[in-house]
Amino acid sequence: MVILTIRNVPDEVHRALRVRAALHGRSTEAEVRDILESVVKPEQRVRMGDVLADLSRRQGLTNDDFAVLDQRRDEAAEPIRFE
């Protein structure tokens, strides 16, 4: 486990953390750990395939659009010409 030190926490923030911790029946340190975890760790992992599929649907892409890519996959691309 990593030890994390946070400096210059305003007094009113520290008091609010202590109150919140007491309401949840735990130490201030445990409360801070819980807050940090809930903010930085998503409940469900974001899956790249789901994101790309959603983006494709919003753009109105269909399987036919991707069929063209499959047909041309092995073709060599022409180099860019700067004329």
PDB file of N, CA and C in Angstrom:
ATOM      1  N   MET A   1       0.835  -1.179   0.000  1.00  0.00           N
ATOM      2  CA  MET A   1       0.000   0.000   0.000  1.00  0.00           C
ATOM      3  C   MET A   1       0.884   1.248   0.000  1.00  0.00           C
ATOM      4  N   VAL A   2       0.398   2.269  -0.679  1.00  0.00           N
ATOM      5  CA  VAL A   2       1.099   3.537  -0.770  1.00  0.00           C
ATOM      6  C   VAL A   2       0.630   4.452   0.352  1.00  0.00           C
ATOM      7  N   ILE A   3       1.548   5.235   0.883  1.00  0.00           N
ATOM      8  CA  ILE A   3       1.201   6.248   1.874  1.00  0.00           C
ATOM      9  C   ILE A   3       1.111   7.574   1.145  1.00  0.00           C
ATOM     10  N   LEU A   4       0.017   8.291   1.355  1.00  0.00           N
ATOM     11  CA  LEU A   4      -0.238   9.545   0.680  1.00  0.00           C
ATOM     12  C   LEU A   4      -0.395  10.638   1.722  1.00  0.00           C
ATOM     13  N   THR A   5       0.363  11.702   1.577  1.00  0.00           N
ATOM     14  CA  THR A   5       0.268  12.840   2.483  1.00  0.00           C
ATOM     15  C   THR A   5      -0.339  14.008   1.733  1.00  0.00           C
ATOM     16  N   ILE A   6      -1.353  14.616   2.327  1.00  0.00           N
ATOM     17  CA  ILE A   6      -1.987  15.778   1.715  1.00  0.00           C
ATOM     18  C   ILE A   6      -1.771  16.961   2.640  1.00  0.00           C
ATOM     19  N   ARG A   7      -1.088  17.958   2.122  1.00  0.00           N
ATOM     20  CA  ARG A   7      -0.770  19.138   2.923  1.00  0.00           C
ATOM     21  C   ARG A   7      -1.741  20.274   2.630  1.00  0.00           C
ATOM     22  N   ASN A   8      -1.787  21.201   3.554  1.00  0.00           N
ATOM     23  CA  ASN A   8      -2.537  22.458   3.405  1.00  0.00           C
ATOM     24  C   ASN A   8      -4.034  22.246   3.178  1.00  0.00           C
ATOM     25  N   VAL A   9      -4.593  21.275   3.880  1.00  0.00           N
ATOM     26  CA  VAL A   9      -6.039  21.075   3.837  1.00  0.00           C
ATOM     27  C   VAL A   9      -6.666  22.142   4.736  1.00  0.00           C
ATOM     28  N   PRO A  10      -7.586  22.935   4.198  1.00  0.00           N
ATOM     29  CA  PRO A  10      -8.216  23.975   5.029  1.00  0.00           C
ATOM     30  C   PRO A  10      -8.933  23.361   6.236  1.00  0.00           C
ATOM     31  N   ASP A  11      -8.955  24.108   7.332  1.00  0.00           N
ATOM     32  CA  ASP A  11      -9.574  23.619   8.567  1.00  0.00           C
ATOM     33  C   ASP A  11     -11.027  23.208   8.362  1.00  0.00           C
ATOM     34  N   GLU A  12     -11.783  24.009   7.593  1.00  0.00           N
ATOM     35  CA  GLU A  12     -13.206  23.684   7.407  1.00  0.00           C
ATOM     36  C   GLU A  12     -13.391  22.396   6.613  1.00  0.00           C
ATOM     37  N   VAL A  13     -12.462  22.101   5.698  1.00  0.00           N
ATOM     38  CA  VAL A  13     -12.531  20.840   4.940  1.00  0.00           C
ATOM     39  C   VAL A  13     -12.220  19.670   5.868  1.00  0.00           C
ATOM     40  N   HIS A  14     -11.226  19.832   6.720  1.00  0.00           N
ATOM     41  CA  HIS A  14     -10.870  18.776   7.664  1.00  0.00           C
ATOM     42  C   HIS A  14     -12.021  18.506   8.627  1.00  0.00           C
ATOM     43  N   ARG A  15     -12.658  19.577   9.119  1.00  0.00           N
ATOM     44  CA  ARG A  15     -13.810  19.402  10.017  1.00  0.00           C
ATOM     45  C   ARG A  15     -14.941  18.663   9.304  1.00  0.00           C
ATOM     46  N   ALA A  16     -15.204  19.044   8.055  1.00  0.00           N
ATOM     47  CA  ALA A  16     -16.269  18.382   7.295  1.00  0.00           C
ATOM     48  C   ALA A  16     -15.950  16.906   7.076  1.00  0.00           C
ATOM     49  N   LEU A  17     -14.688  16.592   6.833  1.00  0.00           N
ATOM     50  CA  LEU A  17     -14.281  15.193   6.672  1.00  0.00           C
ATOM     51  C   LEU A  17     -14.502  14.416   7.965  1.00  0.00           C
ATOM     52  N   ARG A  18     -14.144  15.021   9.103  1.00  0.00           N
ATOM     53  CA  ARG A  18     -14.332  14.356  10.394  1.00  0.00           C
ATOM     54  C   ARG A  18     -15.806  14.100  10.674  1.00  0.00           C
ATOM     55  N   VAL A  19     -16.646  15.084  10.374  1.00  0.00           N
ATOM     56  CA  VAL A  19     -18.082  14.915  10.589  1.00  0.00           C
ATOM     57  C   VAL A  19     -18.627  13.812   9.681  1.00  0.00           C
ATOM     58  N   ARG A  20     -18.230  13.866   8.412  1.00  0.00           N
ATOM     59  CA  ARG A  20     -18.703  12.857   7.451  1.00  0.00           C
ATOM     60  C   ARG A  20     -18.258  11.457   7.881  1.00  0.00           C
ATOM     61  N   ALA A  21     -17.013  11.348   8.334  1.00  0.00           N
ATOM     62  CA  ALA A  21     -16.497  10.057   8.796  1.00  0.00           C
ATOM     63  C   ALA A  21     -17.298   9.552   9.993  1.00  0.00           C
ATOM     64  N   ALA A  22     -17.591  10.440  10.931  1.00  0.00           N
ATOM     65  CA  ALA A  22     -18.367  10.048  12.113  1.00  0.00           C
ATOM     66  C   ALA A  22     -19.761   9.573  11.716  1.00  0.00           C
ATOM     67  N   LEU A  23     -20.372  10.255  10.753  1.00  0.00           N
ATOM     68  CA  LEU A  23     -21.699   9.844  10.286  1.00  0.00           C
ATOM     69  C   LEU A  23     -21.678   8.448   9.664  1.00  0.00           C
ATOM     70  N   HIS A  24     -20.543   8.096   9.048  1.00  0.00           N
ATOM     71  CA  HIS A  24     -20.409   6.780   8.432  1.00  0.00           C
ATOM     72  C   HIS A  24     -19.774   5.753   9.373  1.00  0.00           C
ATOM     73  N   GLY A  25     -19.440   6.161  10.588  1.00  0.00           N
ATOM     74  CA  GLY A  25     -18.894   5.246  11.583  1.00  0.00           C
ATOM     75  C   GLY A  25     -17.494   4.763  11.279  1.00  0.00           C
ATOM     76  N   ARG A  26     -16.662   5.647  10.738  1.00  0.00           N
ATOM     77  CA  ARG A  26     -15.281   5.246  10.445  1.00  0.00           C
ATOM     78  C   ARG A  26     -14.331   6.402  10.715  1.00  0.00           C
ATOM     79  N   SER A  27     -13.045   6.110  10.603  1.00  0.00           N
ATOM     80  CA  SER A  27     -12.033   7.132  10.850  1.00  0.00           C
ATOM     81  C   SER A  27     -12.001   8.129   9.691  1.00  0.00           C
ATOM     82  N   THR A  28     -11.418   9.284   9.954  1.00  0.00           N
ATOM     83  CA  THR A  28     -11.265  10.291   8.903  1.00  0.00           C
ATOM     84  C   THR A  28     -10.427   9.726   7.767  1.00  0.00           C
ATOM     85  N   GLU A  29      -9.386   8.992   8.097  1.00  0.00           N
ATOM     86  CA  GLU A  29      -8.521   8.398   7.084  1.00  0.00           C
ATOM     87  C   GLU A  29      -9.298   7.411   6.202  1.00  0.00           C
ATOM     88  N   ALA A  30     -10.128   6.575   6.816  1.00  0.00           N
ATOM     89  CA  ALA A  30     -10.939   5.629   6.053  1.00  0.00           C
ATOM     90  C   ALA A  30     -11.950   6.369   5.173  1.00  0.00           C
ATOM     91  N   GLU A  31     -12.480   7.461   5.680  1.00  0.00           N
ATOM     92  CA  GLU A  31     -13.431   8.255   4.901  1.00  0.00           C
ATOM     93  C   GLU A  31     -12.765   8.850   3.668  1.00  0.00           C
ATOM     94  N   VAL A  32     -11.555   9.372   3.832  1.00  0.00           N
ATOM     95  CA  VAL A  32     -10.816   9.946   2.703  1.00  0.00           C
ATOM     96  C   VAL A  32     -10.519   8.863   1.667  1.00  0.00           C
ATOM     97  N   ARG A  33     -10.123   7.672   2.117  1.00  0.00           N
ATOM     98  CA  ARG A  33      -9.877   6.566   1.185  1.00  0.00           C
ATOM     99  C   ARG A  33     -11.135   6.232   0.390  1.00  0.00           C
ATOM    100  N   ASP A  34     -12.275   6.191   1.087  1.00  0.00           N
ATOM    101  CA  ASP A  34     -13.534   5.877   0.414  1.00  0.00           C
ATOM    102  C   ASP A  34     -13.901   6.953  -0.606  1.00  0.00           C
ATOM    103  N   ILE A  35     -13.719   8.214  -0.250  1.00  0.00           N
ATOM    104  CA  ILE A  35     -14.023   9.315  -1.170  1.00  0.00           C
ATOM    105  C   ILE A  35     -13.134   9.229  -2.405  1.00  0.00           C
ATOM    106  N   LEU A  36     -11.838   9.048  -2.200  1.00  0.00           N
ATOM    107  CA  LEU A  36     -10.912   8.957  -3.330  1.00  0.00           C
ATOM    108  C   LEU A  36     -11.268   7.790  -4.244  1.00  0.00           C
ATOM    109  N   GLU A  37     -11.546   6.642  -3.657  1.00  0.00           N
ATOM    110  CA  GLU A  37     -11.867   5.469  -4.470  1.00  0.00           C
ATOM    111  C   GLU A  37     -13.141   5.687  -5.277  1.00  0.00           C
ATOM    112  N   SER A  38     -14.150   6.281  -4.673  1.00  0.00           N
ATOM    113  CA  SER A  38     -15.408   6.470  -5.384  1.00  0.00           C
ATOM    114  C   SER A  38     -15.281   7.474  -6.524  1.00  0.00           C
ATOM    115  N   VAL A  39     -14.341   8.396  -6.404  1.00  0.00           N
ATOM    116  CA  VAL A  39     -14.173   9.412  -7.450  1.00  0.00           C
ATOM    117  C   VAL A  39     -13.312   8.912  -8.604  1.00  0.00           C
ATOM    118  N   VAL A  40     -12.255   8.194  -8.323  1.00  0.00           N
ATOM    119  CA  VAL A  40     -11.303   7.834  -9.384  1.00  0.00           C
ATOM    120  C   VAL A  40     -11.487   6.435  -9.962  1.00  0.00           C
ATOM    121  N   LYS A  41     -12.267   5.599  -9.316  1.00  0.00           N
ATOM    122  CA  LYS A  41     -12.428   4.222  -9.785  1.00  0.00           C
ATOM    123  C   LYS A  41     -13.873   4.018 -10.242  1.00  0.00           C
ATOM    124  N   PRO A  42     -14.076   3.876 -11.559  1.00  0.00           N
ATOM    125  CA  PRO A  42     -15.451   3.730 -12.049  1.00  0.00           C
ATOM    126  C   PRO A  42     -16.087   2.432 -11.555  1.00  0.00           C
ATOM    127  N   GLU A  43     -17.418   2.475 -11.418  1.00  0.00           N
ATOM    128  CA  GLU A  43     -18.134   1.284 -10.965  1.00  0.00           C
ATOM    129  C   GLU A  43     -18.015   0.147 -11.974  1.00  0.00           C
ATOM    130  N   GLN A  44     -18.041   0.511 -13.243  1.00  0.00           N
ATOM    131  CA  GLN A  44     -17.922  -0.498 -14.289  1.00  0.00           C
ATOM    132  C   GLN A  44     -16.813  -0.081 -15.235  1.00  0.00           C
ATOM    133  N   ARG A  45     -15.981  -1.010 -15.590  1.00  0.00           N
ATOM    134  CA  ARG A  45     -14.869  -0.759 -16.492  1.00  0.00           C
ATOM    135  C   ARG A  45     -15.388  -0.348 -17.867  1.00  0.00           C
ATOM    136  N   VAL A  46     -14.798   0.681 -18.436  1.00  0.00           N
ATOM    137  CA  VAL A  46     -15.168   1.115 -19.774  1.00  0.00           C
ATOM    138  C   VAL A  46     -14.484   0.199 -20.773  1.00  0.00           C
ATOM    139  N   ARG A  47     -15.280  -0.393 -21.655  1.00  0.00           N
ATOM    140  CA  ARG A  47     -14.717  -1.306 -22.652  1.00  0.00           C
ATOM    141  C   ARG A  47     -14.645  -0.594 -23.992  1.00  0.00           C
ATOM    142  N   MET A  48     -13.473  -0.622 -24.613  1.00  0.00           N
ATOM    143  CA  MET A  48     -13.232   0.119 -25.848  1.00  0.00           C
ATOM    144  C   MET A  48     -14.182  -0.300 -26.964  1.00  0.00           C
ATOM    145  N   GLY A  49     -14.472  -1.582 -27.088  1.00  0.00           N
ATOM    146  CA  GLY A  49     -15.379  -2.058 -28.131  1.00  0.00           C
ATOM    147  C   GLY A  49     -16.769  -1.455 -27.991  1.00  0.00           C
ATOM    148  N   ASP A  50     -17.247  -1.350 -26.739  1.00  0.00           N
ATOM    149  CA  ASP A  50     -18.564  -0.756 -26.503  1.00  0.00           C
ATOM    150  C   ASP A  50     -18.579   0.722 -26.888  1.00  0.00           C
ATOM    151  N   VAL A  51     -17.501   1.414 -26.563  1.00  0.00           N
ATOM    152  CA  VAL A  51     -17.408   2.837 -26.897  1.00  0.00           C
ATOM    153  C   VAL A  51     -17.397   3.035 -28.407  1.00  0.00           C
ATOM    154  N   LEU A  52     -16.610   2.232 -29.117  1.00  0.00           N
ATOM    155  CA  LEU A  52     -16.532   2.354 -30.574  1.00  0.00           C
ATOM    156  C   LEU A  52     -17.860   1.988 -31.232  1.00  0.00           C
ATOM    157  N   ALA A  53     -18.529   0.949 -30.736  1.00  0.00           N
ATOM    158  CA  ALA A  53     -19.823   0.558 -31.301  1.00  0.00           C
ATOM    159  C   ALA A  53     -20.852   1.658 -31.091  1.00  0.00           C
ATOM    160  N   ASP A  54     -20.857   2.263 -29.916  1.00  0.00           N
ATOM    161  CA  ASP A  54     -21.789   3.351 -29.635  1.00  0.00           C
ATOM    162  C   ASP A  54     -21.521   4.552 -30.538  1.00  0.00           C
ATOM    163  N   LEU A  55     -20.247   4.875 -30.719  1.00  0.00           N
ATOM    164  CA  LEU A  55     -19.873   5.980 -31.598  1.00  0.00           C
ATOM    165  C   LEU A  55     -20.320   5.703 -33.029  1.00  0.00           C
ATOM    166  N   SER A  56     -20.143   4.492 -33.507  1.00  0.00           N
ATOM    167  CA  SER A  56     -20.561   4.110 -34.863  1.00  0.00           C
ATOM    168  C   SER A  56     -22.067   4.237 -35.036  1.00  0.00           C
ATOM    169  N   ARG A  57     -22.810   3.791 -34.030  1.00  0.00           N
ATOM    170  CA  ARG A  57     -24.270   3.899 -34.100  1.00  0.00           C
ATOM    171  C   ARG A  57     -24.714   5.355 -34.158  1.00  0.00           C
ATOM    172  N   ARG A  58     -24.088   6.202 -33.340  1.00  0.00           N
ATOM    173  CA  ARG A  58     -24.460   7.625 -33.335  1.00  0.00           C
ATOM    174  C   ARG A  58     -24.128   8.303 -34.654  1.00  0.00           C
ATOM    175  N   GLN A  59     -23.120   7.813 -35.345  1.00  0.00           N
ATOM    176  CA  GLN A  59     -22.747   8.388 -36.637  1.00  0.00           C
ATOM    177  C   GLN A  59     -23.553   7.777 -37.780  1.00  0.00           C
ATOM    178  N   GLY A  60     -24.366   6.774 -37.484  1.00  0.00           N
ATOM    179  CA  GLY A  60     -25.210   6.157 -38.500  1.00  0.00           C
ATOM    180  C   GLY A  60     -24.489   5.150 -39.386  1.00  0.00           C
ATOM    181  N   LEU A  61     -23.348   4.641 -38.930  1.00  0.00           N
ATOM    182  CA  LEU A  61     -22.607   3.654 -39.715  1.00  0.00           C
ATOM    183  C   LEU A  61     -23.304   2.292 -39.646  1.00  0.00           C
ATOM    184  N   THR A  62     -23.217   1.551 -40.738  1.00  0.00           N
ATOM    185  CA  THR A  62     -23.812   0.207 -40.805  1.00  0.00           C
ATOM    186  C   THR A  62     -22.727  -0.798 -41.158  1.00  0.00           C
ATOM    187  N   ASN A  63     -23.096  -2.067 -41.167  1.00  0.00           N
ATOM    188  CA  ASN A  63     -22.145  -3.116 -41.543  1.00  0.00           C
ATOM    189  C   ASN A  63     -21.676  -2.936 -42.986  1.00  0.00           C
ATOM    190  N   ASP A  64     -22.539  -2.401 -43.839  1.00  0.00           N
ATOM    191  CA  ASP A  64     -22.152  -2.173 -45.242  1.00  0.00           C
ATOM    192  C   ASP A  64     -20.990  -1.180 -45.343  1.00  0.00           C
ATOM    193  N   ASP A  65     -20.975  -0.195 -44.460  1.00  0.00           N
ATOM    194  CA  ASP A  65     -19.872   0.772 -44.465  1.00  0.00           C
ATOM    195  C   ASP A  65     -18.544   0.084 -44.166  1.00  0.00           C
ATOM    196  N   PHE A  66     -18.579  -0.896 -43.295  1.00  0.00           N
ATOM    197  CA  PHE A  66     -17.349  -1.588 -42.930  1.00  0.00           C
ATOM    198  C   PHE A  66     -16.976  -2.672 -43.935  1.00  0.00           C
ATOM    199  N   ALA A  67     -17.934  -3.139 -44.707  1.00  0.00           N
ATOM    200  CA  ALA A  67     -17.653  -4.151 -45.737  1.00  0.00           C
ATOM    201  C   ALA A  67     -16.670  -3.604 -46.760  1.00  0.00           C
ATOM    202  N   VAL A  68     -16.776  -2.324 -47.070  1.00  0.00           N
ATOM    203  CA  VAL A  68     -15.848  -1.693 -48.009  1.00  0.00           C
ATOM    204  C   VAL A  68     -14.424  -1.775 -47.464  1.00  0.00           C
ATOM    205  N   LEU A  69     -14.267  -1.552 -46.181  1.00  0.00           N
ATOM    206  CA  LEU A  69     -12.930  -1.645 -45.581  1.00  0.00           C
ATOM    207  C   LEU A  69     -12.387  -3.064 -45.686  1.00  0.00           C
ATOM    208  N   ASP A  70     -13.236  -4.063 -45.463  1.00  0.00           N
ATOM    209  CA  ASP A  70     -12.798  -5.454 -45.574  1.00  0.00           C
ATOM    210  C   ASP A  70     -12.352  -5.787 -46.998  1.00  0.00           C
ATOM    211  N   GLN A  71     -13.063  -5.264 -47.986  1.00  0.00           N
ATOM    212  CA  GLN A  71     -12.730  -5.540 -49.384  1.00  0.00           C
ATOM    213  C   GLN A  71     -11.389  -4.924 -49.775  1.00  0.00           C
ATOM    214  N   ARG A  72     -11.065  -3.785 -49.211  1.00  0.00           N
ATOM    215  CA  ARG A  72      -9.864  -3.065 -49.627  1.00  0.00           C
ATOM    216  C   ARG A  72      -8.710  -3.230 -48.645  1.00  0.00           C
ATOM    217  N   ARG A  73      -8.869  -4.084 -47.668  1.00  0.00           N
ATOM    218  CA  ARG A  73      -7.883  -4.222 -46.603  1.00  0.00           C
ATOM    219  C   ARG A  73      -6.483  -4.559 -47.115  1.00  0.00           C
ATOM    220  N   ASP A  74      -6.369  -5.447 -48.074  1.00  0.00           N
ATOM    221  CA  ASP A  74      -5.060  -5.918 -48.527  1.00  0.00           C
ATOM    222  C   ASP A  74      -4.479  -5.103 -49.677  1.00  0.00           C
ATOM    223  N   GLU A  75      -5.180  -4.099 -50.122  1.00  0.00           N
ATOM    224  CA  GLU A  75      -4.670  -3.256 -51.202  1.00  0.00           C
ATOM    225  C   GLU A  75      -3.626  -2.298 -50.655  1.00  0.00           C
ATOM    226  N   ALA A  76      -2.592  -2.102 -51.444  1.00  0.00           N
ATOM    227  CA  ALA A  76      -1.546  -1.165 -51.037  1.00  0.00           C
ATOM    228  C   ALA A  76      -2.034   0.265 -51.264  1.00  0.00           C
ATOM    229  N   ALA A  77      -1.780   1.117 -50.328  1.00  0.00           N
ATOM    230  CA  ALA A  77      -2.174   2.518 -50.456  1.00  0.00           C
ATOM    231  C   ALA A  77      -1.168   3.237 -51.346  1.00  0.00           C
ATOM    232  N   GLU A  78      -1.686   4.198 -52.101  1.00  0.00           N
ATOM    233  CA  GLU A  78      -0.779   4.997 -52.941  1.00  0.00           C
ATOM    234  C   GLU A  78      -0.123   6.055 -52.059  1.00  0.00           C
ATOM    235  N   PRO A  79       1.170   6.306 -52.318  1.00  0.00           N
ATOM    236  CA  PRO A  79       1.841   7.318 -51.522  1.00  0.00           C
ATOM    237  C   PRO A  79       1.279   8.722 -51.819  1.00  0.00           C
ATOM    238  N   ILE A  80       1.412   9.596 -50.860  1.00  0.00           N
ATOM    239  CA  ILE A  80       0.956  10.981 -51.040  1.00  0.00           C
ATOM    240  C   ILE A  80       1.882  11.684 -52.015  1.00  0.00           C
ATOM    241  N   ARG A  81       1.276  12.453 -52.900  1.00  0.00           N
ATOM    242  CA  ARG A  81       2.065  13.229 -53.880  1.00  0.00           C
ATOM    243  C   ARG A  81       1.950  14.702 -53.544  1.00  0.00           C
ATOM    244  N   PHE A  82       3.081  15.349 -53.488  1.00  0.00           N
ATOM    245  CA  PHE A  82       3.128  16.782 -53.188  1.00  0.00           C
ATOM    246  C   PHE A  82       3.465  17.533 -54.463  1.00  0.00           C
ATOM    247  N   GLU A  83       2.507  17.675 -55.348  1.00  0.00           N
ATOM    248  CA  GLU A  83       2.743  18.354 -56.610  1.00  0.00           C
ATOM    249  C   GLU A  83       1.973  19.644 -56.678  1.00  0.00           C
TER     250      GLU A  83
END
